[in-house]
Structure formats: structure tokens, C-alpha cells
Full PDB file with SEQRES, HELIX, SHEET, SSBOND, CRYST1, ORIGX, SCALE, CONECT and MASTER records, all heavy atoms in Angstrom:
SEQRES   1 A   40  VAL LYS LEU LEU ALA ASP ALA ALA THR PRO GLU ASP LEU          
SEQRES   2 A   40  PHE GLN GLY GLN TRP GLN GLY ARG PRO SER LYS LEU ASP          
SEQRES   3 A   40  ALA PHE LYS PRO TYR LEU ASP ASP ARG TRP ASN GLN GLY          
SEQRES   4 A   40  CYS                                                          
HELIX    1 AA1 LYS A    2  ASP A    6  1                                   5    
HELIX    2 AA2 PRO A   10  LEU A   13  5                                   4    
HELIX    3 AA3 ASP A   26  PHE A   28  5                                   3    
HELIX    4 AA4 LYS A   29  ASN A   37  1                                   9    
CRYST1    1.000    1.000    1.000  90.00  90.00  90.00 P 1           1          
ORIGX1      1.000000  0.000000  0.000000        0.00000                         
ORIGX2      0.000000  1.000000  0.000000        0.00000                         
ORIGX3      0.000000  0.000000  1.000000        0.00000                         
SCALE1      1.000000  0.000000  0.000000        0.00000                         
SCALE2      0.000000  1.000000  0.000000        0.00000                         
SCALE3      0.000000  0.000000  1.000000        0.00000                         
ATOM      1  N   VAL A   1     -18.177 -12.254  12.352  1.00  0.00           N  
ATOM      2  CA  VAL A   1     -17.824 -13.108  13.496  1.00  0.00           C  
ATOM      3  C   VAL A   1     -17.029 -14.310  13.013  1.00  0.00           C  
ATOM      4  O   VAL A   1     -16.027 -14.687  13.623  1.00  0.00           O  
ATOM      5  CB  VAL A   1     -19.084 -13.545  14.265  1.00  0.00           C  
ATOM      6  CG1 VAL A   1     -18.732 -14.542  15.355  1.00  0.00           C  
ATOM      7  CG2 VAL A   1     -19.789 -12.346  14.859  1.00  0.00           C  
ATOM      8  N   LYS A   2     -17.426 -14.893  11.895  1.00  0.00           N  
ATOM      9  CA  LYS A   2     -16.700 -16.046  11.352  1.00  0.00           C  
ATOM     10  C   LYS A   2     -15.273 -15.669  10.987  1.00  0.00           C  
ATOM     11  O   LYS A   2     -14.321 -16.391  11.305  1.00  0.00           O  
ATOM     12  CB  LYS A   2     -17.428 -16.599  10.126  1.00  0.00           C  
ATOM     13  CG  LYS A   2     -16.737 -17.793   9.485  1.00  0.00           C  
ATOM     14  CD  LYS A   2     -17.468 -18.200   8.225  1.00  0.00           C  
ATOM     15  CE  LYS A   2     -16.865 -19.380   7.518  1.00  0.00           C  
ATOM     16  NZ  LYS A   2     -15.481 -19.640   7.648  1.00  0.00           N  
ATOM     17  N   LEU A   3     -15.087 -14.532  10.320  1.00  0.00           N  
ATOM     18  CA  LEU A   3     -13.741 -14.096   9.946  1.00  0.00           C  
ATOM     19  C   LEU A   3     -12.867 -13.886  11.182  1.00  0.00           C  
ATOM     20  O   LEU A   3     -11.706 -14.314  11.224  1.00  0.00           O  
ATOM     21  CB  LEU A   3     -13.801 -12.796   9.140  1.00  0.00           C  
ATOM     22  CG  LEU A   3     -14.262 -12.914   7.700  1.00  0.00           C  
ATOM     23  CD1 LEU A   3     -14.448 -11.520   7.088  1.00  0.00           C  
ATOM     24  CD2 LEU A   3     -13.266 -13.710   6.890  1.00  0.00           C  
ATOM     25  N   LEU A   4     -13.424 -13.221  12.200  1.00  0.00           N  
ATOM     26  CA  LEU A   4     -12.661 -12.956  13.416  1.00  0.00           C  
ATOM     27  C   LEU A   4     -12.374 -14.240  14.184  1.00  0.00           C  
ATOM     28  O   LEU A   4     -11.289 -14.412  14.739  1.00  0.00           O  
ATOM     29  CB  LEU A   4     -13.416 -11.964  14.308  1.00  0.00           C  
ATOM     30  CG  LEU A   4     -13.526 -10.535  13.763  1.00  0.00           C  
ATOM     31  CD1 LEU A   4     -14.534  -9.741  14.568  1.00  0.00           C  
ATOM     32  CD2 LEU A   4     -12.175  -9.856  13.785  1.00  0.00           C  
ATOM     33  N   ALA A   5     -13.340 -15.150  14.219  1.00  0.00           N  
ATOM     34  CA  ALA A   5     -13.166 -16.390  14.969  1.00  0.00           C  
ATOM     35  C   ALA A   5     -12.186 -17.336  14.271  1.00  0.00           C  
ATOM     36  O   ALA A   5     -11.421 -18.041  14.936  1.00  0.00           O  
ATOM     37  CB  ALA A   5     -14.516 -17.083  15.152  1.00  0.00           C  
ATOM     38  N   ASP A   6     -12.195 -17.348  12.958  1.00  0.00           N  
ATOM     39  CA  ASP A   6     -11.328 -18.267  12.221  1.00  0.00           C  
ATOM     40  C   ASP A   6      -9.882 -17.788  12.145  1.00  0.00           C  
ATOM     41  O   ASP A   6      -8.986 -18.583  11.876  1.00  0.00           O  
ATOM     42  CB  ASP A   6     -11.861 -18.477  10.805  1.00  0.00           C  
ATOM     43  CG  ASP A   6     -13.155 -19.276  10.785  1.00  0.00           C  
ATOM     44  OD1 ASP A   6     -13.483 -19.887  11.829  1.00  0.00           O  
ATOM     45  OD2 ASP A   6     -13.829 -19.283   9.740  1.00  0.00           O  
ATOM     46  N   ALA A   7      -9.659 -16.520  12.372  1.00  0.00           N  
ATOM     47  CA  ALA A   7      -8.296 -15.980  12.295  1.00  0.00           C  
ATOM     48  C   ALA A   7      -7.553 -16.283  13.591  1.00  0.00           C  
ATOM     49  O   ALA A   7      -8.039 -15.995  14.687  1.00  0.00           O  
ATOM     50  CB  ALA A   7      -8.338 -14.478  12.065  1.00  0.00           C  
ATOM     51  N   ALA A   8      -6.367 -16.874  13.460  1.00  0.00           N  
ATOM     52  CA  ALA A   8      -5.568 -17.188  14.649  1.00  0.00           C  
ATOM     53  C   ALA A   8      -5.027 -15.917  15.291  1.00  0.00           C  
ATOM     54  O   ALA A   8      -4.965 -15.811  16.514  1.00  0.00           O  
ATOM     55  CB  ALA A   8      -4.418 -18.117  14.269  1.00  0.00           C  
ATOM     56  N   THR A   9      -4.633 -14.954  14.479  1.00  0.00           N  
ATOM     57  CA  THR A   9      -4.136 -13.673  14.989  1.00  0.00           C  
ATOM     58  C   THR A   9      -4.824 -12.555  14.210  1.00  0.00           C  
ATOM     59  O   THR A   9      -5.278 -12.773  13.075  1.00  0.00           O  
ATOM     60  CB  THR A   9      -2.605 -13.532  14.800  1.00  0.00           C  
ATOM     61  OG1 THR A   9      -2.317 -13.526  13.403  1.00  0.00           O  
ATOM     62  CG2 THR A   9      -1.852 -14.660  15.490  1.00  0.00           C  
ATOM     63  N   PRO A  10      -4.883 -11.352  14.761  1.00  0.00           N  
ATOM     64  CA  PRO A  10      -5.500 -10.249  14.022  1.00  0.00           C  
ATOM     65  C   PRO A  10      -4.756  -9.934  12.723  1.00  0.00           C  
ATOM     66  O   PRO A  10      -5.361  -9.499  11.760  1.00  0.00           O  
ATOM     67  CB  PRO A  10      -5.422  -9.063  14.983  1.00  0.00           C  
ATOM     68  CG  PRO A  10      -5.198  -9.630  16.319  1.00  0.00           C  
ATOM     69  CD  PRO A  10      -4.530 -10.949  16.131  1.00  0.00           C  
ATOM     70  N   GLU A  11      -3.446 -10.184  12.709  1.00  0.00           N  
ATOM     71  CA  GLU A  11      -2.669  -9.879  11.514  1.00  0.00           C  
ATOM     72  C   GLU A  11      -3.086 -10.739  10.325  1.00  0.00           C  
ATOM     73  O   GLU A  11      -2.856 -10.364   9.179  1.00  0.00           O  
ATOM     74  CB  GLU A  11      -1.176 -10.035  11.790  1.00  0.00           C  
ATOM     75  CG  GLU A  11      -0.560  -8.868  12.535  1.00  0.00           C  
ATOM     76  CD  GLU A  11      -1.058  -8.697  13.961  1.00  0.00           C  
ATOM     77  OE1 GLU A  11      -1.409  -9.717  14.601  1.00  0.00           O  
ATOM     78  OE2 GLU A  11      -1.115  -7.555  14.428  1.00  0.00           O  
ATOM     79  N   ASP A  12      -3.707 -11.901  10.603  1.00  0.00           N  
ATOM     80  CA  ASP A  12      -4.204 -12.734   9.511  1.00  0.00           C  
ATOM     81  C   ASP A  12      -5.331 -12.036   8.755  1.00  0.00           C  
ATOM     82  O   ASP A  12      -5.623 -12.384   7.605  1.00  0.00           O  
ATOM     83  CB  ASP A  12      -4.719 -14.077  10.040  1.00  0.00           C  
ATOM     84  CG  ASP A  12      -3.611 -14.923  10.632  1.00  0.00           C  
ATOM     85  OD1 ASP A  12      -2.424 -14.642  10.345  1.00  0.00           O  
ATOM     86  OD2 ASP A  12      -3.927 -15.861  11.394  1.00  0.00           O  
ATOM     87  N   LEU A  13      -5.974 -11.068   9.387  1.00  0.00           N  
ATOM     88  CA  LEU A  13      -7.089 -10.359   8.771  1.00  0.00           C  
ATOM     89  C   LEU A  13      -6.631  -9.182   7.921  1.00  0.00           C  
ATOM     90  O   LEU A  13      -7.431  -8.593   7.204  1.00  0.00           O  
ATOM     91  CB  LEU A  13      -8.042  -9.850   9.862  1.00  0.00           C  
ATOM     92  CG  LEU A  13      -8.648 -10.931  10.731  1.00  0.00           C  
ATOM     93  CD1 LEU A  13      -9.286 -10.326  11.964  1.00  0.00           C  
ATOM     94  CD2 LEU A  13      -9.646 -11.739   9.934  1.00  0.00           C  
ATOM     95  N   PHE A  14      -5.360  -8.820   8.013  1.00  0.00           N  
ATOM     96  CA  PHE A  14      -4.859  -7.639   7.304  1.00  0.00           C  
ATOM     97  C   PHE A  14      -4.365  -7.991   5.914  1.00  0.00           C  
ATOM     98  O   PHE A  14      -3.279  -7.629   5.512  1.00  0.00           O  
ATOM     99  CB  PHE A  14      -3.741  -6.969   8.094  1.00  0.00           C  
ATOM    100  CG  PHE A  14      -4.150  -6.512   9.462  1.00  0.00           C  
ATOM    101  CD1 PHE A  14      -3.249  -6.552  10.503  1.00  0.00           C  
ATOM    102  CD2 PHE A  14      -5.415  -6.051   9.723  1.00  0.00           C  
ATOM    103  CE1 PHE A  14      -3.604  -6.127  11.759  1.00  0.00           C  
ATOM    104  CE2 PHE A  14      -5.786  -5.636  10.976  1.00  0.00           C  
ATOM    105  CZ  PHE A  14      -4.881  -5.676  12.003  1.00  0.00           C  
ATOM    106  N   GLN A  15      -5.140  -8.709   5.179  1.00  0.00           N  
ATOM    107  CA  GLN A  15      -4.785  -9.087   3.817  1.00  0.00           C  
ATOM    108  C   GLN A  15      -5.691  -8.326   2.858  1.00  0.00           C  
ATOM    109  O   GLN A  15      -6.473  -8.916   2.145  1.00  0.00           O  
ATOM    110  CB  GLN A  15      -4.919 -10.598   3.626  1.00  0.00           C  
ATOM    111  CG  GLN A  15      -4.137 -11.429   4.602  1.00  0.00           C  
ATOM    112  CD  GLN A  15      -2.646 -11.145   4.538  1.00  0.00           C  
ATOM    113  OE1 GLN A  15      -2.082 -10.912   3.486  1.00  0.00           O  
ATOM    114  NE2 GLN A  15      -1.997 -11.147   5.695  1.00  0.00           N  
ATOM    115  N   GLY A  16      -5.602  -7.013   2.876  1.00  0.00           N  
ATOM    116  CA  GLY A  16      -6.481  -6.180   2.066  1.00  0.00           C  
ATOM    117  C   GLY A  16      -6.141  -6.247   0.593  1.00  0.00           C  
ATOM    118  O   GLY A  16      -5.052  -6.630   0.191  1.00  0.00           O  
ATOM    119  N   GLN A  17      -7.080  -5.831  -0.214  1.00  0.00           N  
ATOM    120  CA  GLN A  17      -6.910  -5.900  -1.655  1.00  0.00           C  
ATOM    121  C   GLN A  17      -5.887  -4.890  -2.157  1.00  0.00           C  
ATOM    122  O   GLN A  17      -5.358  -5.031  -3.251  1.00  0.00           O  
ATOM    123  CB  GLN A  17      -8.240  -5.675  -2.349  1.00  0.00           C  
ATOM    124  CG  GLN A  17      -8.852  -4.305  -2.087  1.00  0.00           C  
ATOM    125  CD  GLN A  17     -10.139  -4.121  -2.831  1.00  0.00           C  
ATOM    126  OE1 GLN A  17     -10.449  -4.898  -3.722  1.00  0.00           O  
ATOM    127  NE2 GLN A  17     -10.905  -3.116  -2.487  1.00  0.00           N  
ATOM    128  N   TRP A  18      -5.567  -3.853  -1.392  1.00  0.00           N  
ATOM    129  CA  TRP A  18      -4.654  -2.818  -1.882  1.00  0.00           C  
ATOM    130  C   TRP A  18      -3.236  -3.003  -1.364  1.00  0.00           C  
ATOM    131  O   TRP A  18      -2.355  -2.243  -1.712  1.00  0.00           O  
ATOM    132  CB  TRP A  18      -5.169  -1.441  -1.484  1.00  0.00           C  
ATOM    133  CG  TRP A  18      -6.508  -1.169  -2.039  1.00  0.00           C  
ATOM    134  CD1 TRP A  18      -7.677  -1.058  -1.357  1.00  0.00           C  
ATOM    135  CD2 TRP A  18      -6.848  -1.012  -3.411  1.00  0.00           C  
ATOM    136  NE1 TRP A  18      -8.719  -0.834  -2.205  1.00  0.00           N  
ATOM    137  CE2 TRP A  18      -8.235  -0.797  -3.476  1.00  0.00           C  
ATOM    138  CE3 TRP A  18      -6.125  -1.033  -4.591  1.00  0.00           C  
ATOM    139  CZ2 TRP A  18      -8.899  -0.597  -4.671  1.00  0.00           C  
ATOM    140  CZ3 TRP A  18      -6.802  -0.828  -5.778  1.00  0.00           C  
ATOM    141  CH2 TRP A  18      -8.163  -0.620  -5.808  1.00  0.00           C  
ATOM    142  N   GLN A  19      -3.011  -3.967  -0.520  1.00  0.00           N  
ATOM    143  CA  GLN A  19      -1.679  -4.121   0.048  1.00  0.00           C  
ATOM    144  C   GLN A  19      -0.745  -4.801  -0.933  1.00  0.00           C  
ATOM    145  O   GLN A  19      -1.063  -5.846  -1.485  1.00  0.00           O  
ATOM    146  CB  GLN A  19      -1.745  -4.920   1.341  1.00  0.00           C  
ATOM    147  CG  GLN A  19      -2.448  -4.159   2.417  1.00  0.00           C  
ATOM    148  CD  GLN A  19      -2.545  -4.972   3.670  1.00  0.00           C  
ATOM    149  OE1 GLN A  19      -2.040  -6.072   3.763  1.00  0.00           O  
ATOM    150  NE2 GLN A  19      -3.205  -4.428   4.665  1.00  0.00           N  
ATOM    151  N   GLY A  20       0.403  -4.209  -1.114  1.00  0.00           N  
ATOM    152  CA  GLY A  20       1.416  -4.806  -1.950  1.00  0.00           C  
ATOM    153  C   GLY A  20       1.190  -4.630  -3.443  1.00  0.00           C  
ATOM    154  O   GLY A  20       1.956  -5.155  -4.237  1.00  0.00           O  
ATOM    155  N   ARG A  21       0.173  -3.898  -3.825  1.00  0.00           N  
ATOM    156  CA  ARG A  21      -0.072  -3.700  -5.245  1.00  0.00           C  
ATOM    157  C   ARG A  21       0.717  -2.509  -5.749  1.00  0.00           C  
ATOM    158  O   ARG A  21       0.786  -1.478  -5.092  1.00  0.00           O  
ATOM    159  CB  ARG A  21      -1.547  -3.449  -5.499  1.00  0.00           C  
ATOM    160  CG  ARG A  21      -2.369  -4.708  -5.378  1.00  0.00           C  
ATOM    161  CD  ARG A  21      -3.814  -4.476  -5.641  1.00  0.00           C  
ATOM    162  NE  ARG A  21      -4.051  -4.013  -6.993  1.00  0.00           N  
ATOM    163  CZ  ARG A  21      -5.259  -3.790  -7.464  1.00  0.00           C  
ATOM    164  NH1 ARG A  21      -6.316  -3.971  -6.712  1.00  0.00           N  
ATOM    165  NH2 ARG A  21      -5.429  -3.365  -8.692  1.00  0.00           N  
ATOM    166  N   PRO A  22       1.299  -2.621  -6.923  1.00  0.00           N  
ATOM    167  CA  PRO A  22       2.023  -1.467  -7.467  1.00  0.00           C  
ATOM    168  C   PRO A  22       1.039  -0.394  -7.926  1.00  0.00           C  
ATOM    169  O   PRO A  22      -0.088  -0.686  -8.330  1.00  0.00           O  
ATOM    170  CB  PRO A  22       2.787  -2.054  -8.647  1.00  0.00           C  
ATOM    171  CG  PRO A  22       2.026  -3.269  -9.044  1.00  0.00           C  
ATOM    172  CD  PRO A  22       1.393  -3.799  -7.777  1.00  0.00           C  
ATOM    173  N   SER A  23       1.486   0.830  -7.854  1.00  0.00           N  
ATOM    174  CA  SER A  23       0.683   1.965  -8.279  1.00  0.00           C  
ATOM    175  C   SER A  23       1.101   2.373  -9.684  1.00  0.00           C  
ATOM    176  O   SER A  23       2.251   2.168 -10.085  1.00  0.00           O  
ATOM    177  CB  SER A  23       0.906   3.130  -7.312  1.00  0.00           C  
ATOM    178  OG  SER A  23       0.378   4.325  -7.838  1.00  0.00           O  
ATOM    179  N   LYS A  24       0.187   2.962 -10.424  1.00  0.00           N  
ATOM    180  CA  LYS A  24       0.537   3.495 -11.739  1.00  0.00           C  
ATOM    181  C   LYS A  24       1.552   4.623 -11.604  1.00  0.00           C  
ATOM    182  O   LYS A  24       2.263   4.948 -12.544  1.00  0.00           O  
ATOM    183  CB  LYS A  24      -0.704   4.021 -12.457  1.00  0.00           C  
ATOM    184  CG  LYS A  24      -1.664   2.948 -12.907  1.00  0.00           C  
ATOM    185  CD  LYS A  24      -2.836   3.563 -13.645  1.00  0.00           C  
ATOM    186  CE  LYS A  24      -3.812   2.491 -14.105  1.00  0.00           C  
ATOM    187  NZ  LYS A  24      -4.955   3.073 -14.806  1.00  0.00           N  
ATOM    188  N   LEU A  25       1.616   5.201 -10.424  1.00  0.00           N  
ATOM    189  CA  LEU A  25       2.507   6.329 -10.184  1.00  0.00           C  
ATOM    190  C   LEU A  25       3.930   5.894  -9.839  1.00  0.00           C  
ATOM    191  O   LEU A  25       4.851   6.708  -9.896  1.00  0.00           O  
ATOM    192  CB  LEU A  25       1.923   7.180  -9.042  1.00  0.00           C  
ATOM    193  CG  LEU A  25       2.490   8.560  -8.815  1.00  0.00           C  
ATOM    194  CD1 LEU A  25       2.302   9.421 -10.054  1.00  0.00           C  
ATOM    195  CD2 LEU A  25       1.818   9.209  -7.632  1.00  0.00           C  
ATOM    196  N   ASP A  26       4.132   4.630  -9.510  1.00  0.00           N  
ATOM    197  CA  ASP A  26       5.448   4.163  -9.062  1.00  0.00           C  
ATOM    198  C   ASP A  26       6.565   4.479 -10.056  1.00  0.00           C  
ATOM    199  O   ASP A  26       7.661   4.866  -9.661  1.00  0.00           O  
ATOM    200  CB  ASP A  26       5.420   2.664  -8.781  1.00  0.00           C  
ATOM    201  CG  ASP A  26       4.696   2.330  -7.501  1.00  0.00           C  
ATOM    202  OD1 ASP A  26       4.469   3.257  -6.689  1.00  0.00           O  
ATOM    203  OD2 ASP A  26       4.352   1.147  -7.311  1.00  0.00           O  
ATOM    204  N   ALA A  27       6.314   4.314 -11.344  1.00  0.00           N  
ATOM    205  CA  ALA A  27       7.347   4.566 -12.349  1.00  0.00           C  
ATOM    206  C   ALA A  27       7.706   6.048 -12.437  1.00  0.00           C  
ATOM    207  O   ALA A  27       8.790   6.401 -12.904  1.00  0.00           O  
ATOM    208  CB  ALA A  27       6.873   4.069 -13.714  1.00  0.00           C  
ATOM    209  N   PHE A  28       6.819   6.921 -11.963  1.00  0.00           N  
ATOM    210  CA  PHE A  28       7.036   8.362 -12.067  1.00  0.00           C  
ATOM    211  C   PHE A  28       7.473   8.997 -10.752  1.00  0.00           C  
ATOM    212  O   PHE A  28       7.674  10.208 -10.685  1.00  0.00           O  
ATOM    213  CB  PHE A  28       5.751   9.039 -12.574  1.00  0.00           C  
ATOM    214  CG  PHE A  28       5.356   8.575 -13.943  1.00  0.00           C  
ATOM    215  CD1 PHE A  28       4.497   7.497 -14.097  1.00  0.00           C  
ATOM    216  CD2 PHE A  28       5.870   9.176 -15.074  1.00  0.00           C  
ATOM    217  CE1 PHE A  28       4.146   7.053 -15.354  1.00  0.00           C  
ATOM    218  CE2 PHE A  28       5.519   8.736 -16.339  1.00  0.00           C  
ATOM    219  CZ  PHE A  28       4.661   7.664 -16.484  1.00  0.00           C  
ATOM    220  N   LYS A  29       7.626   8.182  -9.691  1.00  0.00           N  
ATOM    221  CA  LYS A  29       8.011   8.731  -8.384  1.00  0.00           C  
ATOM    222  C   LYS A  29       9.359   9.465  -8.428  1.00  0.00           C  
ATOM    223  O   LYS A  29       9.488  10.520  -7.827  1.00  0.00           O  
ATOM    224  CB  LYS A  29       8.042   7.625  -7.327  1.00  0.00           C  
ATOM    225  CG  LYS A  29       6.669   7.100  -6.971  1.00  0.00           C  
ATOM    226  CD  LYS A  29       6.115   7.763  -5.763  1.00  0.00           C  
ATOM    227  CE  LYS A  29       4.714   7.272  -5.485  1.00  0.00           C  
ATOM    228  NZ  LYS A  29       4.553   6.600  -4.260  1.00  0.00           N  
ATOM    229  N   PRO A  30      10.383   8.940  -9.130  1.00  0.00           N  
ATOM    230  CA  PRO A  30      11.638   9.706  -9.188  1.00  0.00           C  
ATOM    231  C   PRO A  30      11.449  11.094  -9.808  1.00  0.00           C  
ATOM    232  O   PRO A  30      12.026  12.077  -9.344  1.00  0.00           O  
ATOM    233  CB  PRO A  30      12.564   8.835 -10.048  1.00  0.00           C  
ATOM    234  CG  PRO A  30      12.015   7.463  -9.922  1.00  0.00           C  
ATOM    235  CD  PRO A  30      10.538   7.628  -9.753  1.00  0.00           C  
ATOM    236  N   TYR A  31      10.609  11.170 -10.832  1.00  0.00           N  
ATOM    237  CA  TYR A  31      10.339  12.466 -11.455  1.00  0.00           C  
ATOM    238  C   TYR A  31       9.619  13.387 -10.482  1.00  0.00           C  
ATOM    239  O   TYR A  31       9.951  14.570 -10.366  1.00  0.00           O  
ATOM    240  CB  TYR A  31       9.512  12.281 -12.731  1.00  0.00           C  
ATOM    241  CG  TYR A  31       9.247  13.568 -13.465  1.00  0.00           C  
ATOM    242  CD1 TYR A  31      10.215  14.125 -14.281  1.00  0.00           C  
ATOM    243  CD2 TYR A  31       8.035  14.226 -13.331  1.00  0.00           C  
ATOM    244  CE1 TYR A  31       9.986  15.319 -14.947  1.00  0.00           C  
ATOM    245  CE2 TYR A  31       7.790  15.415 -13.986  1.00  0.00           C  
ATOM    246  CZ  TYR A  31       8.770  15.957 -14.804  1.00  0.00           C  
ATOM    247  OH  TYR A  31       8.533  17.146 -15.449  1.00  0.00           O  
ATOM    248  N   LEU A  32       8.633  12.846  -9.758  1.00  0.00           N  
ATOM    249  CA  LEU A  32       7.913  13.652  -8.777  1.00  0.00           C  
ATOM    250  C   LEU A  32       8.857  14.140  -7.677  1.00  0.00           C  
ATOM    251  O   LEU A  32       8.764  15.301  -7.255  1.00  0.00           O  
ATOM    252  CB  LEU A  32       6.766  12.850  -8.160  1.00  0.00           C  
ATOM    253  CG  LEU A  32       5.402  12.963  -8.815  1.00  0.00           C  
ATOM    254  CD1 LEU A  32       5.414  12.501 -10.244  1.00  0.00           C  
ATOM    255  CD2 LEU A  32       4.376  12.193  -8.030  1.00  0.00           C  
ATOM    256  N   ASP A  33       9.754  13.263  -7.231  1.00  0.00           N  
ATOM    257  CA  ASP A  33      10.722  13.674  -6.211  1.00  0.00           C  
ATOM    258  C   ASP A  33      11.628  14.784  -6.724  1.00  0.00           C  
ATOM    259  O   ASP A  33      11.913  15.750  -6.006  1.00  0.00           O  
ATOM    260  CB  ASP A  33      11.572  12.481  -5.762  1.00  0.00           C  
ATOM    261  CG  ASP A  33      10.762  11.444  -5.008  1.00  0.00           C  
ATOM    262  OD1 ASP A  33       9.679  11.800  -4.482  1.00  0.00           O  
ATOM    263  OD2 ASP A  33      11.192  10.275  -4.954  1.00  0.00           O  
ATOM    264  N   ASP A  34      12.089  14.665  -7.975  1.00  0.00           N  
ATOM    265  CA  ASP A  34      12.946  15.706  -8.552  1.00  0.00           C  
ATOM    266  C   ASP A  34      12.214  17.032  -8.629  1.00  0.00           C  
ATOM    267  O   ASP A  34      12.758  18.079  -8.267  1.00  0.00           O  
ATOM    268  CB  ASP A  34      13.418  15.301  -9.955  1.00  0.00           C  
ATOM    269  CG  ASP A  34      14.415  14.166  -9.933  1.00  0.00           C  
ATOM    270  OD1 ASP A  34      14.981  13.902  -8.840  1.00  0.00           O  
ATOM    271  OD2 ASP A  34      14.629  13.535 -10.992  1.00  0.00           O  
ATOM    272  N   ARG A  35      10.968  16.996  -9.107  1.00  0.00           N  
ATOM    273  CA  ARG A  35      10.197  18.244  -9.214  1.00  0.00           C  
ATOM    274  C   ARG A  35       9.918  18.850  -7.837  1.00  0.00           C  
ATOM    275  O   ARG A  35       9.958  20.058  -7.666  1.00  0.00           O  
ATOM    276  CB  ARG A  35       8.878  17.988  -9.957  1.00  0.00           C  
ATOM    277  CG  ARG A  35       9.061  17.653 -11.405  1.00  0.00           C  
ATOM    278  CD  ARG A  35       9.653  18.819 -12.196  1.00  0.00           C  
ATOM    279  NE  ARG A  35       8.629  19.832 -12.382  1.00  0.00           N  
ATOM    280  CZ  ARG A  35       8.848  21.145 -12.283  1.00  0.00           C  
ATOM    281  NH1 ARG A  35      10.043  21.599 -12.012  1.00  0.00           N  
ATOM    282  NH2 ARG A  35       7.856  21.984 -12.453  1.00  0.00           N  
ATOM    283  N   TRP A  36       9.657  17.988  -6.845  1.00  0.00           N  
ATOM    284  CA  TRP A  36       9.430  18.474  -5.483  1.00  0.00           C  
ATOM    285  C   TRP A  36      10.681  19.155  -4.956  1.00  0.00           C  
ATOM    286  O   TRP A  36      10.625  20.230  -4.372  1.00  0.00           O  
ATOM    287  CB  TRP A  36       9.030  17.311  -4.580  1.00  0.00           C  
ATOM    288  CG  TRP A  36       8.779  17.715  -3.173  1.00  0.00           C  
ATOM    289  CD1 TRP A  36       9.671  17.709  -2.143  1.00  0.00           C  
ATOM    290  CD2 TRP A  36       7.551  18.211  -2.626  1.00  0.00           C  
ATOM    291  NE1 TRP A  36       9.078  18.147  -0.989  1.00  0.00           N  
ATOM    292  CE2 TRP A  36       7.780  18.468  -1.256  1.00  0.00           C  
ATOM    293  CE3 TRP A  36       6.291  18.451  -3.147  1.00  0.00           C  
ATOM    294  CZ2 TRP A  36       6.799  18.962  -0.422  1.00  0.00           C  
ATOM    295  CZ3 TRP A  36       5.304  18.936  -2.309  1.00  0.00           C  
ATOM    296  CH2 TRP A  36       5.565  19.189  -0.972  1.00  0.00           C  
ATOM    297  N   ASN A  37      11.846  18.530  -5.185  1.00  0.00           N  
ATOM    298  CA  ASN A  37      13.110  19.105  -4.720  1.00  0.00           C  
ATOM    299  C   ASN A  37      13.480  20.369  -5.473  1.00  0.00           C  
ATOM    300  O   ASN A  37      14.242  21.193  -4.962  1.00  0.00           O  
ATOM    301  CB  ASN A  37      14.237  18.072  -4.824  1.00  0.00           C  
ATOM    302  CG  ASN A  37      14.037  16.933  -3.849  1.00  0.00           C  
ATOM    303  OD1 ASN A  37      13.417  17.102  -2.799  1.00  0.00           O  
ATOM    304  ND2 ASN A  37      14.539  15.770  -4.200  1.00  0.00           N  
ATOM    305  N   GLN A  38      12.955  20.539  -6.688  1.00  0.00           N  
ATOM    306  CA  GLN A  38      13.177  21.776  -7.437  1.00  0.00           C  
ATOM    307  C   GLN A  38      12.275  22.898  -6.935  1.00  0.00           C  
ATOM    308  O   GLN A  38      12.427  24.038  -7.349  1.00  0.00           O  
ATOM    309  CB  GLN A  38      12.927  21.544  -8.928  1.00  0.00           C  
ATOM    310  CG  GLN A  38      13.935  20.650  -9.592  1.00  0.00           C  
ATOM    311  CD  GLN A  38      13.508  20.248 -10.999  1.00  0.00           C  
ATOM    312  OE1 GLN A  38      12.452  20.649 -11.494  1.00  0.00           O  
ATOM    313  NE2 GLN A  38      14.324  19.419 -11.633  1.00  0.00           N  
ATOM    314  N   GLY A  39      11.327  22.556  -6.077  1.00  0.00           N  
ATOM    315  CA  GLY A  39      10.444  23.568  -5.506  1.00  0.00           C  
ATOM    316  C   GLY A  39       9.048  23.580  -6.078  1.00  0.00           C  
ATOM    317  O   GLY A  39       8.231  24.407  -5.685  1.00  0.00           O  
ATOM    318  N   CYS A  40       8.744  22.714  -7.005  1.00  0.00           N  
ATOM    319  CA  CYS A  40       7.399  22.662  -7.582  1.00  0.00           C  
ATOM    320  C   CYS A  40       6.518  21.813  -6.673  1.00  0.00           C  
ATOM    321  O   CYS A  40       6.663  20.596  -6.615  1.00  0.00           O  
ATOM    322  CB  CYS A  40       7.434  22.081  -8.988  1.00  0.00           C  
ATOM    323  SG  CYS A  40       5.810  22.055  -9.755  1.00  0.00           S  
TER     324      CYS A  40                                                      
MASTER        0    0    0    4    0    0    0    6  323    1    0    4          
END                                                                             
């Protein structure tokens, strides 16, 4: 209730721990895309 009441807008509550964090897979995404396009 405190979190909801203190937030001016609902979007203020969407500050999750996983948002905007890079993935370990990000550096390999081009390779994954190439393999996917090759049919694997």
C-alpha cells in the first residue's frame, strides 16, 4: 500500500531489477541470428 500510495504514476513502480540490464547473451546475438538464418 505504501509503494502504491507513494508513487505518483504507475510507471514509477516499473523499476524492476531486470530492466535495462545487459545479458550475457548480448555479445553472441549476431551469431545466434546468423545460425537461425542458416536454418539451425
